[in-house]
Amino acid sequence: MAKGKFALGAIAGALAGVVAGVLTAPKSGKETRADLKTKADELKDEAVKKKDQAKTKADEVSKDMKNKASDVKNRANGAVQDAKDSFNKK
């Protein structure tokens, strides 16, 4: 969770820096608005990319966990069956 908070803080800091830099630059209002729109679009695209990466990673982790849970279940069922077989032989 700390990594997520750090990343969010870094993004917010970068955004604040970009806005401050654009607003203090000696450009016309039209140029400044165009720059802000460009930067906003870049940040949006980056956020979408990060979201997609996080979703892909979450899907991979979920699939891996399901496979491991299935493996544990199968091993437990095998152990139970072995115990039953051993008990029935006596």
PDB file of N, CA and C in Angstrom:
ATOM      1  N   MET A   1       0.823  -1.185   0.000  1.00  0.00           N
ATOM      2  CA  MET A   1       0.000   0.000   0.000  1.00  0.00           C
ATOM      3  C   MET A   1       0.866   1.246   0.000  1.00  0.00           C
ATOM      4  N   ALA A   2       2.039   1.184   0.616  1.00  0.00           N
ATOM      5  CA  ALA A   2       2.926   2.336   0.680  1.00  0.00           C
ATOM      6  C   ALA A   2       3.402   2.731  -0.716  1.00  0.00           C
ATOM      7  N   LYS A   3       3.631   1.737  -1.583  1.00  0.00           N
ATOM      8  CA  LYS A   3       4.055   2.036  -2.949  1.00  0.00           C
ATOM      9  C   LYS A   3       2.969   2.804  -3.681  1.00  0.00           C
ATOM     10  N   GLY A   4       1.722   2.430  -3.477  1.00  0.00           N
ATOM     11  CA  GLY A   4       0.611   3.105  -4.129  1.00  0.00           C
ATOM     12  C   GLY A   4       0.483   4.543  -3.668  1.00  0.00           C
ATOM     13  N   LYS A   5       0.660   4.767  -2.367  1.00  0.00           N
ATOM     14  CA  LYS A   5       0.592   6.129  -1.838  1.00  0.00           C
ATOM     15  C   LYS A   5       1.758   6.958  -2.362  1.00  0.00           C
ATOM     16  N   PHE A   6       2.929   6.347  -2.452  1.00  0.00           N
ATOM     17  CA  PHE A   6       4.088   7.064  -2.962  1.00  0.00           C
ATOM     18  C   PHE A   6       3.869   7.432  -4.427  1.00  0.00           C
ATOM     19  N   ALA A   7       3.370   6.485  -5.224  1.00  0.00           N
ATOM     20  CA  ALA A   7       3.136   6.748  -6.637  1.00  0.00           C
ATOM     21  C   ALA A   7       2.102   7.856  -6.815  1.00  0.00           C
ATOM     22  N   LEU A   8       1.039   7.810  -6.027  1.00  0.00           N
ATOM     23  CA  LEU A   8       0.013   8.840  -6.104  1.00  0.00           C
ATOM     24  C   LEU A   8       0.592  10.201  -5.731  1.00  0.00           C
ATOM     25  N   GLY A   9       1.420  10.236  -4.692  1.00  0.00           N
ATOM     26  CA  GLY A   9       2.066  11.479  -4.296  1.00  0.00           C
ATOM     27  C   GLY A   9       3.016  11.995  -5.365  1.00  0.00           C
ATOM     28  N   ALA A  10       3.747  11.080  -5.993  1.00  0.00           N
ATOM     29  CA  ALA A  10       4.674  11.477  -7.059  1.00  0.00           C
ATOM     30  C   ALA A  10       3.922  12.056  -8.249  1.00  0.00           C
ATOM     31  N   ILE A  11       2.808  11.436  -8.596  1.00  0.00           N
ATOM     32  CA  ILE A  11       1.994  11.939  -9.708  1.00  0.00           C
ATOM     33  C   ILE A  11       1.431  13.313  -9.369  1.00  0.00           C
ATOM     34  N   ALA A  12       0.917  13.465  -8.163  1.00  0.00           N
ATOM     35  CA  ALA A  12       0.371  14.757  -7.749  1.00  0.00           C
ATOM     36  C   ALA A  12       1.465  15.825  -7.743  1.00  0.00           C
ATOM     37  N   GLY A  13       2.641  15.479  -7.267  1.00  0.00           N
ATOM     38  CA  GLY A  13       3.757  16.424  -7.260  1.00  0.00           C
ATOM     39  C   GLY A  13       4.180  16.819  -8.664  1.00  0.00           C
ATOM     40  N   ALA A  14       4.237  15.836  -9.549  1.00  0.00           N
ATOM     41  CA  ALA A  14       4.598  16.124 -10.938  1.00  0.00           C
ATOM     42  C   ALA A  14       3.567  17.034 -11.584  1.00  0.00           C
ATOM     43  N   LEU A  15       2.312  16.748 -11.327  1.00  0.00           N
ATOM     44  CA  LEU A  15       1.240  17.567 -11.884  1.00  0.00           C
ATOM     45  C   LEU A  15       1.334  18.999 -11.366  1.00  0.00           C
ATOM     46  N   ALA A  16       1.563  19.156 -10.080  1.00  0.00           N
ATOM     47  CA  ALA A  16       1.698  20.494  -9.503  1.00  0.00           C
ATOM     48  C   ALA A  16       2.890  21.229 -10.108  1.00  0.00           C
ATOM     49  N   GLY A  17       3.987  20.523 -10.304  1.00  0.00           N
ATOM     50  CA  GLY A  17       5.169  21.128 -10.916  1.00  0.00           C
ATOM     51  C   GLY A  17       4.921  21.566 -12.342  1.00  0.00           C
ATOM     52  N   VAL A  18       4.242  20.749 -13.102  1.00  0.00           N
ATOM     53  CA  VAL A  18       3.929  21.089 -14.496  1.00  0.00           C
ATOM     54  C   VAL A  18       3.029  22.312 -14.540  1.00  0.00           C
ATOM     55  N   VAL A  19       1.983  22.304 -13.724  1.00  0.00           N
ATOM     56  CA  VAL A  19       1.053  23.438 -13.714  1.00  0.00           C
ATOM     57  C   VAL A  19       1.780  24.712 -13.308  1.00  0.00           C
ATOM     58  N   ALA A  20       2.594  24.645 -12.260  1.00  0.00           N
ATOM     59  CA  ALA A  20       3.336  25.830 -11.814  1.00  0.00           C
ATOM     60  C   ALA A  20       4.284  26.320 -12.901  1.00  0.00           C
ATOM     61  N   GLY A  21       4.950  25.395 -13.549  1.00  0.00           N
ATOM     62  CA  GLY A  21       5.871  25.779 -14.621  1.00  0.00           C
ATOM     63  C   GLY A  21       5.172  26.416 -15.801  1.00  0.00           C
ATOM     64  N   VAL A  22       4.046  25.864 -16.172  1.00  0.00           N
ATOM     65  CA  VAL A  22       3.301  26.397 -17.312  1.00  0.00           C
ATOM     66  C   VAL A  22       2.719  27.769 -16.980  1.00  0.00           C
ATOM     67  N   LEU A  23       2.203  27.906 -15.769  1.00  0.00           N
ATOM     68  CA  LEU A  23       1.571  29.169 -15.392  1.00  0.00           C
ATOM     69  C   LEU A  23       2.581  30.304 -15.221  1.00  0.00           C
ATOM     70  N   THR A  24       3.812  29.988 -14.886  1.00  0.00           N
ATOM     71  CA  THR A  24       4.825  31.034 -14.701  1.00  0.00           C
ATOM     72  C   THR A  24       5.616  31.303 -15.974  1.00  0.00           C
ATOM     73  N   ALA A  25       5.412  30.520 -17.018  1.00  0.00           N
ATOM     74  CA  ALA A  25       6.125  30.722 -18.269  1.00  0.00           C
ATOM     75  C   ALA A  25       5.576  31.970 -18.978  1.00  0.00           C
ATOM     76  N   PRO A  26       6.439  32.716 -19.633  1.00  0.00           N
ATOM     77  CA  PRO A  26       5.991  33.938 -20.317  1.00  0.00           C
ATOM     78  C   PRO A  26       5.350  33.626 -21.672  1.00  0.00           C
ATOM     79  N   LYS A  27       4.134  33.116 -21.638  1.00  0.00           N
ATOM     80  CA  LYS A  27       3.404  32.781 -22.864  1.00  0.00           C
ATOM     81  C   LYS A  27       2.040  33.450 -22.814  1.00  0.00           C
ATOM     82  N   SER A  28       1.400  33.490 -23.961  1.00  0.00           N
ATOM     83  CA  SER A  28       0.049  34.038 -24.001  1.00  0.00           C
ATOM     84  C   SER A  28      -0.925  33.055 -23.369  1.00  0.00           C
ATOM     85  N   GLY A  29      -2.103  33.531 -23.035  1.00  0.00           N
ATOM     86  CA  GLY A  29      -3.119  32.668 -22.437  1.00  0.00           C
ATOM     87  C   GLY A  29      -3.479  31.508 -23.338  1.00  0.00           C
ATOM     88  N   LYS A  30      -3.560  31.776 -24.625  1.00  0.00           N
ATOM     89  CA  LYS A  30      -3.900  30.721 -25.580  1.00  0.00           C
ATOM     90  C   LYS A  30      -2.829  29.631 -25.588  1.00  0.00           C
ATOM     91  N   GLU A  31      -1.566  30.036 -25.599  1.00  0.00           N
ATOM     92  CA  GLU A  31      -0.468  29.065 -25.588  1.00  0.00           C
ATOM     93  C   GLU A  31      -0.444  28.291 -24.267  1.00  0.00           C
ATOM     94  N   THR A  32      -0.703  28.990 -23.178  1.00  0.00           N
ATOM     95  CA  THR A  32      -0.706  28.353 -21.863  1.00  0.00           C
ATOM     96  C   THR A  32      -1.814  27.309 -21.776  1.00  0.00           C
ATOM     97  N   ARG A  33      -3.004  27.659 -22.258  1.00  0.00           N
ATOM     98  CA  ARG A  33      -4.113  26.688 -22.250  1.00  0.00           C
ATOM     99  C   ARG A  33      -3.801  25.487 -23.123  1.00  0.00           C
ATOM    100  N   ALA A  34      -3.164  25.718 -24.254  1.00  0.00           N
ATOM    101  CA  ALA A  34      -2.784  24.612 -25.142  1.00  0.00           C
ATOM    102  C   ALA A  34      -1.765  23.706 -24.445  1.00  0.00           C
ATOM    103  N   ASP A  35      -0.806  24.330 -23.760  1.00  0.00           N
ATOM    104  CA  ASP A  35       0.197  23.536 -23.037  1.00  0.00           C
ATOM    105  C   ASP A  35      -0.447  22.720 -21.923  1.00  0.00           C
ATOM    106  N   LEU A  36      -1.357  23.355 -21.179  1.00  0.00           N
ATOM    107  CA  LEU A  36      -2.050  22.636 -20.103  1.00  0.00           C
ATOM    108  C   LEU A  36      -2.856  21.471 -20.653  1.00  0.00           C
ATOM    109  N   LYS A  37      -3.532  21.682 -21.776  1.00  0.00           N
ATOM    110  CA  LYS A  37      -4.318  20.604 -22.384  1.00  0.00           C
ATOM    111  C   LYS A  37      -3.406  19.460 -22.823  1.00  0.00           C
ATOM    112  N   THR A  38      -2.285  19.807 -23.428  1.00  0.00           N
ATOM    113  CA  THR A  38      -1.335  18.775 -23.869  1.00  0.00           C
ATOM    114  C   THR A  38      -0.822  17.966 -22.679  1.00  0.00           C
ATOM    115  N   LYS A  39      -0.415  18.664 -21.628  1.00  0.00           N
ATOM    116  CA  LYS A  39       0.093  17.965 -20.445  1.00  0.00           C
ATOM    117  C   LYS A  39      -0.998  17.125 -19.789  1.00  0.00           C
ATOM    118  N   ALA A  40      -2.214  17.665 -19.734  1.00  0.00           N
ATOM    119  CA  ALA A  40      -3.325  16.903 -19.148  1.00  0.00           C
ATOM    120  C   ALA A  40      -3.583  15.632 -19.950  1.00  0.00           C
ATOM    121  N   ASP A  41      -3.533  15.745 -21.266  1.00  0.00           N
ATOM    122  CA  ASP A  41      -3.738  14.559 -22.113  1.00  0.00           C
ATOM    123  C   ASP A  41      -2.633  13.535 -21.897  1.00  0.00           C
ATOM    124  N   GLU A  42      -1.391  14.024 -21.764  1.00  0.00           N
ATOM    125  CA  GLU A  42      -0.268  13.106 -21.522  1.00  0.00           C
ATOM    126  C   GLU A  42      -0.446  12.387 -20.185  1.00  0.00           C
ATOM    127  N   LEU A  43      -0.826  13.147 -19.152  1.00  0.00           N
ATOM    128  CA  LEU A  43      -1.025  12.538 -17.833  1.00  0.00           C
ATOM    129  C   LEU A  43      -2.183  11.550 -17.848  1.00  0.00           C
ATOM    130  N   LYS A  44      -3.234  11.878 -18.578  1.00  0.00           N
ATOM    131  CA  LYS A  44      -4.381  10.968 -18.683  1.00  0.00           C
ATOM    132  C   LYS A  44      -3.949   9.669 -19.364  1.00  0.00           C
ATOM    133  N   ASP A  45      -3.215   9.792 -20.455  1.00  0.00           N
ATOM    134  CA  ASP A  45      -2.751   8.595 -21.165  1.00  0.00           C
ATOM    135  C   ASP A  45      -1.863   7.737 -20.267  1.00  0.00           C
ATOM    136  N   GLU A  46      -0.994   8.398 -19.507  1.00  0.00           N
ATOM    137  CA  GLU A  46      -0.112   7.667 -18.593  1.00  0.00           C
ATOM    138  C   GLU A  46      -0.917   6.967 -17.502  1.00  0.00           C
ATOM    139  N   ALA A  47      -1.942   7.646 -16.981  1.00  0.00           N
ATOM    140  CA  ALA A  47      -2.785   7.047 -15.943  1.00  0.00           C
ATOM    141  C   ALA A  47      -3.533   5.832 -16.493  1.00  0.00           C
ATOM    142  N   VAL A  48      -4.026   5.944 -17.709  1.00  0.00           N
ATOM    143  CA  VAL A  48      -4.735   4.816 -18.336  1.00  0.00           C
ATOM    144  C   VAL A  48      -3.780   3.641 -18.519  1.00  0.00           C
ATOM    145  N   LYS A  49      -2.551   3.945 -18.953  1.00  0.00           N
ATOM    146  CA  LYS A  49      -1.561   2.884 -19.143  1.00  0.00           C
ATOM    147  C   LYS A  49      -1.243   2.190 -17.812  1.00  0.00           C
ATOM    148  N   LYS A  50      -1.063   2.987 -16.760  1.00  0.00           N
ATOM    149  CA  LYS A  50      -0.771   2.408 -15.440  1.00  0.00           C
ATOM    150  C   LYS A  50      -1.947   1.578 -14.942  1.00  0.00           C
ATOM    151  N   LYS A  51      -3.168   2.057 -15.177  1.00  0.00           N
ATOM    152  CA  LYS A  51      -4.359   1.306 -14.764  1.00  0.00           C
ATOM    153  C   LYS A  51      -4.408  -0.033 -15.487  1.00  0.00           C
ATOM    154  N   ASP A  52      -4.137  -0.010 -16.785  1.00  0.00           N
ATOM    155  CA  ASP A  52      -4.154  -1.257 -17.560  1.00  0.00           C
ATOM    156  C   ASP A  52      -3.073  -2.220 -17.083  1.00  0.00           C
ATOM    157  N   GLN A  53      -1.897  -1.682 -16.761  1.00  0.00           N
ATOM    158  CA  GLN A  53      -0.817  -2.530 -16.248  1.00  0.00           C
ATOM    159  C   GLN A  53      -1.201  -3.144 -14.908  1.00  0.00           C
ATOM    160  N   ALA A  54      -1.829  -2.337 -14.051  1.00  0.00           N
ATOM    161  CA  ALA A  54      -2.244  -2.842 -12.741  1.00  0.00           C
ATOM    162  C   ALA A  54      -3.309  -3.922 -12.894  1.00  0.00           C
ATOM    163  N   LYS A  55      -4.248  -3.724 -13.823  1.00  0.00           N
ATOM    164  CA  LYS A  55      -5.299  -4.720 -14.058  1.00  0.00           C
ATOM    165  C   LYS A  55      -4.692  -6.017 -14.577  1.00  0.00           C
ATOM    166  N   THR A  56      -3.760  -5.906 -15.504  1.00  0.00           N
ATOM    167  CA  THR A  56      -3.100  -7.090 -16.051  1.00  0.00           C
ATOM    168  C   THR A  56      -2.363  -7.847 -14.941  1.00  0.00           C
ATOM    169  N   LYS A  57      -1.648  -7.109 -14.112  1.00  0.00           N
ATOM    170  CA  LYS A  57      -0.910  -7.751 -13.013  1.00  0.00           C
ATOM    171  C   LYS A  57      -1.871  -8.404 -12.026  1.00  0.00           C
ATOM    172  N   ALA A  58      -2.973  -7.718 -11.713  1.00  0.00           N
ATOM    173  CA  ALA A  58      -3.964  -8.281 -10.789  1.00  0.00           C
ATOM    174  C   ALA A  58      -4.574  -9.553 -11.372  1.00  0.00           C
ATOM    175  N   ASP A  59      -4.845  -9.555 -12.663  1.00  0.00           N
ATOM    176  CA  ASP A  59      -5.386 -10.752 -13.314  1.00  0.00           C
ATOM    177  C   ASP A  59      -4.396 -11.908 -13.245  1.00  0.00           C
ATOM    178  N   GLU A  60      -3.116 -11.597 -13.465  1.00  0.00           N
ATOM    179  CA  GLU A  60      -2.083 -12.637 -13.395  1.00  0.00           C
ATOM    180  C   GLU A  60      -1.987 -13.216 -11.982  1.00  0.00           C
ATOM    181  N   VAL A  61      -1.991 -12.334 -10.994  1.00  0.00           N
ATOM    182  CA  VAL A  61      -1.896 -12.783  -9.603  1.00  0.00           C
ATOM    183  C   VAL A  61      -3.118 -13.613  -9.235  1.00  0.00           C
ATOM    184  N   SER A  62      -4.290 -13.165  -9.667  1.00  0.00           N
ATOM    185  CA  SER A  62      -5.528 -13.896  -9.381  1.00  0.00           C
ATOM    186  C   SER A  62      -5.483 -15.294  -9.998  1.00  0.00           C
ATOM    187  N   LYS A  63      -5.062 -15.373 -11.243  1.00  0.00           N
ATOM    188  CA  LYS A  63      -4.975 -16.671 -11.924  1.00  0.00           C
ATOM    189  C   LYS A  63      -3.974 -17.582 -11.215  1.00  0.00           C
ATOM    190  N   ASP A  64      -2.836 -17.014 -10.822  1.00  0.00           N
ATOM    191  CA  ASP A  64      -1.820 -17.791 -10.119  1.00  0.00           C
ATOM    192  C   ASP A  64      -2.353 -18.309  -8.786  1.00  0.00           C
ATOM    193  N   MET A  65      -3.045 -17.459  -8.053  1.00  0.00           N
ATOM    194  CA  MET A  65      -3.601 -17.864  -6.758  1.00  0.00           C
ATOM    195  C   MET A  65      -4.662 -18.954  -6.932  1.00  0.00           C
ATOM    196  N   LYS A  66      -5.489 -18.835  -7.964  1.00  0.00           N
ATOM    197  CA  LYS A  66      -6.501 -19.866  -8.216  1.00  0.00           C
ATOM    198  C   LYS A  66      -5.833 -21.200  -8.530  1.00  0.00           C
ATOM    199  N   ASN A  67      -4.760 -21.158  -9.326  1.00  0.00           N
ATOM    200  CA  ASN A  67      -4.037 -22.393  -9.654  1.00  0.00           C
ATOM    201  C   ASN A  67      -3.418 -23.015  -8.406  1.00  0.00           C
ATOM    202  N   LYS A  68      -2.843 -22.171  -7.573  1.00  0.00           N
ATOM    203  CA  LYS A  68      -2.230 -22.690  -6.332  1.00  0.00           C
ATOM    204  C   LYS A  68      -3.293 -23.252  -5.394  1.00  0.00           C
ATOM    205  N   ALA A  69      -4.432 -22.578  -5.302  1.00  0.00           N
ATOM    206  CA  ALA A  69      -5.512 -23.067  -4.437  1.00  0.00           C
ATOM    207  C   ALA A  69      -6.034 -24.405  -4.959  1.00  0.00           C
ATOM    208  N   SER A  70      -6.158 -24.513  -6.265  1.00  0.00           N
ATOM    209  CA  SER A  70      -6.613 -25.769  -6.860  1.00  0.00           C
ATOM    210  C   SER A  70      -5.614 -26.888  -6.583  1.00  0.00           C
ATOM    211  N   ASP A  71      -4.328 -26.575  -6.672  1.00  0.00           N
ATOM    212  CA  ASP A  71      -3.290 -27.563  -6.402  1.00  0.00           C
ATOM    213  C   ASP A  71      -3.352 -28.023  -4.939  1.00  0.00           C
ATOM    214  N   VAL A  72      -3.496 -27.070  -4.027  1.00  0.00           N
ATOM    215  CA  VAL A  72      -3.589 -27.421  -2.602  1.00  0.00           C
ATOM    216  C   VAL A  72      -4.820 -28.284  -2.354  1.00  0.00           C
ATOM    217  N   LYS A  73      -5.941 -27.921  -2.977  1.00  0.00           N
ATOM    218  CA  LYS A  73      -7.175 -28.697  -2.817  1.00  0.00           C
ATOM    219  C   LYS A  73      -6.983 -30.129  -3.321  1.00  0.00           C
ATOM    220  N   ASN A  74      -6.363 -30.268  -4.486  1.00  0.00           N
ATOM    221  CA  ASN A  74      -6.134 -31.605  -5.047  1.00  0.00           C
ATOM    222  C   ASN A  74      -5.204 -32.428  -4.158  1.00  0.00           C
ATOM    223  N   ARG A  75      -4.169 -31.777  -3.625  1.00  0.00           N
ATOM    224  CA  ARG A  75      -3.245 -32.495  -2.739  1.00  0.00           C
ATOM    225  C   ARG A  75      -3.943 -32.901  -1.449  1.00  0.00           C
ATOM    226  N   ALA A  76      -4.794 -32.027  -0.932  1.00  0.00           N
ATOM    227  CA  ALA A  76      -5.531 -32.353   0.294  1.00  0.00           C
ATOM    228  C   ALA A  76      -6.502 -33.499   0.042  1.00  0.00           C
ATOM    229  N   ASN A  77      -7.193 -33.447  -1.092  1.00  0.00           N
ATOM    230  CA  ASN A  77      -8.112 -34.541  -1.430  1.00  0.00           C
ATOM    231  C   ASN A  77      -7.364 -35.862  -1.578  1.00  0.00           C
ATOM    232  N   GLY A  78      -6.169 -35.795  -2.171  1.00  0.00           N
ATOM    233  CA  GLY A  78      -5.353 -37.001  -2.303  1.00  0.00           C
ATOM    234  C   GLY A  78      -4.926 -37.546  -0.948  1.00  0.00           C
ATOM    235  N   ALA A  79      -4.561 -36.645  -0.054  1.00  0.00           N
ATOM    236  CA  ALA A  79      -4.148 -37.075   1.283  1.00  0.00           C
ATOM    237  C   ALA A  79      -5.315 -37.694   2.035  1.00  0.00           C
ATOM    238  N   VAL A  80      -6.488 -37.098   1.899  1.00  0.00           N
ATOM    239  CA  VAL A  80      -7.686 -37.645   2.558  1.00  0.00           C
ATOM    240  C   VAL A  80      -7.999 -39.022   1.981  1.00  0.00           C
ATOM    241  N   GLN A  81      -7.906 -39.153   0.677  1.00  0.00           N
ATOM    242  CA  GLN A  81      -8.198 -40.443   0.043  1.00  0.00           C
ATOM    243  C   GLN A  81      -7.181 -41.491   0.486  1.00  0.00           C
ATOM    244  N   ASP A  82      -5.913 -41.095   0.574  1.00  0.00           N
ATOM    245  CA  ASP A  82      -4.883 -42.018   1.041  1.00  0.00           C
ATOM    246  C   ASP A  82      -5.169 -42.461   2.480  1.00  0.00           C
ATOM    247  N   ALA A  83      -5.605 -41.533   3.310  1.00  0.00           N
ATOM    248  CA  ALA A  83      -5.922 -41.862   4.702  1.00  0.00           C
ATOM    249  C   ALA A  83      -7.107 -42.818   4.761  1.00  0.00           C
ATOM    250  N   LYS A  84      -8.111 -42.573   3.926  1.00  0.00           N
ATOM    251  CA  LYS A  84      -9.286 -43.467   3.883  1.00  0.00           C
ATOM    252  C   LYS A  84      -8.874 -44.859   3.436  1.00  0.00           C
ATOM    253  N   ASP A  85      -8.052 -44.909   2.394  1.00  0.00           N
ATOM    254  CA  ASP A  85      -7.595 -46.198   1.886  1.00  0.00           C
ATOM    255  C   ASP A  85      -6.788 -46.947   2.943  1.00  0.00           C
ATOM    256  N   SER A  86      -5.941 -46.218   3.637  1.00  0.00           N
ATOM    257  CA  SER A  86      -5.125 -46.822   4.686  1.00  0.00           C
ATOM    258  C   SER A  86      -6.013 -47.325   5.829  1.00  0.00           C
ATOM    259  N   PHE A  87      -7.007 -46.586   6.190  1.00  0.00           N
ATOM    260  CA  PHE A  87      -7.917 -46.972   7.253  1.00  0.00           C
ATOM    261  C   PHE A  87      -8.734 -48.201   6.848  1.00  0.00           C
ATOM    262  N   ASN A  88      -9.185 -48.223   5.596  1.00  0.00           N
ATOM    263  CA  ASN A  88     -10.003 -49.348   5.116  1.00  0.00           C
ATOM    264  C   ASN A  88      -9.176 -50.634   5.011  1.00  0.00           C
ATOM    265  N   LYS A  89      -7.885 -50.547   4.834  1.00  0.00           N
ATOM    266  CA  LYS A  89      -7.036 -51.742   4.727  1.00  0.00           C
ATOM    267  C   LYS A  89      -6.878 -52.427   6.085  1.00  0.00           C
ATOM    268  N   LYS A  90      -7.066 -51.684   7.153  1.00  0.00           N
ATOM    269  CA  LYS A  90      -6.847 -52.247   8.491  1.00  0.00           C
ATOM    270  C   LYS A  90      -7.987 -53.044   8.952  1.00  0.00           C
TER     271      LYS A  90
END
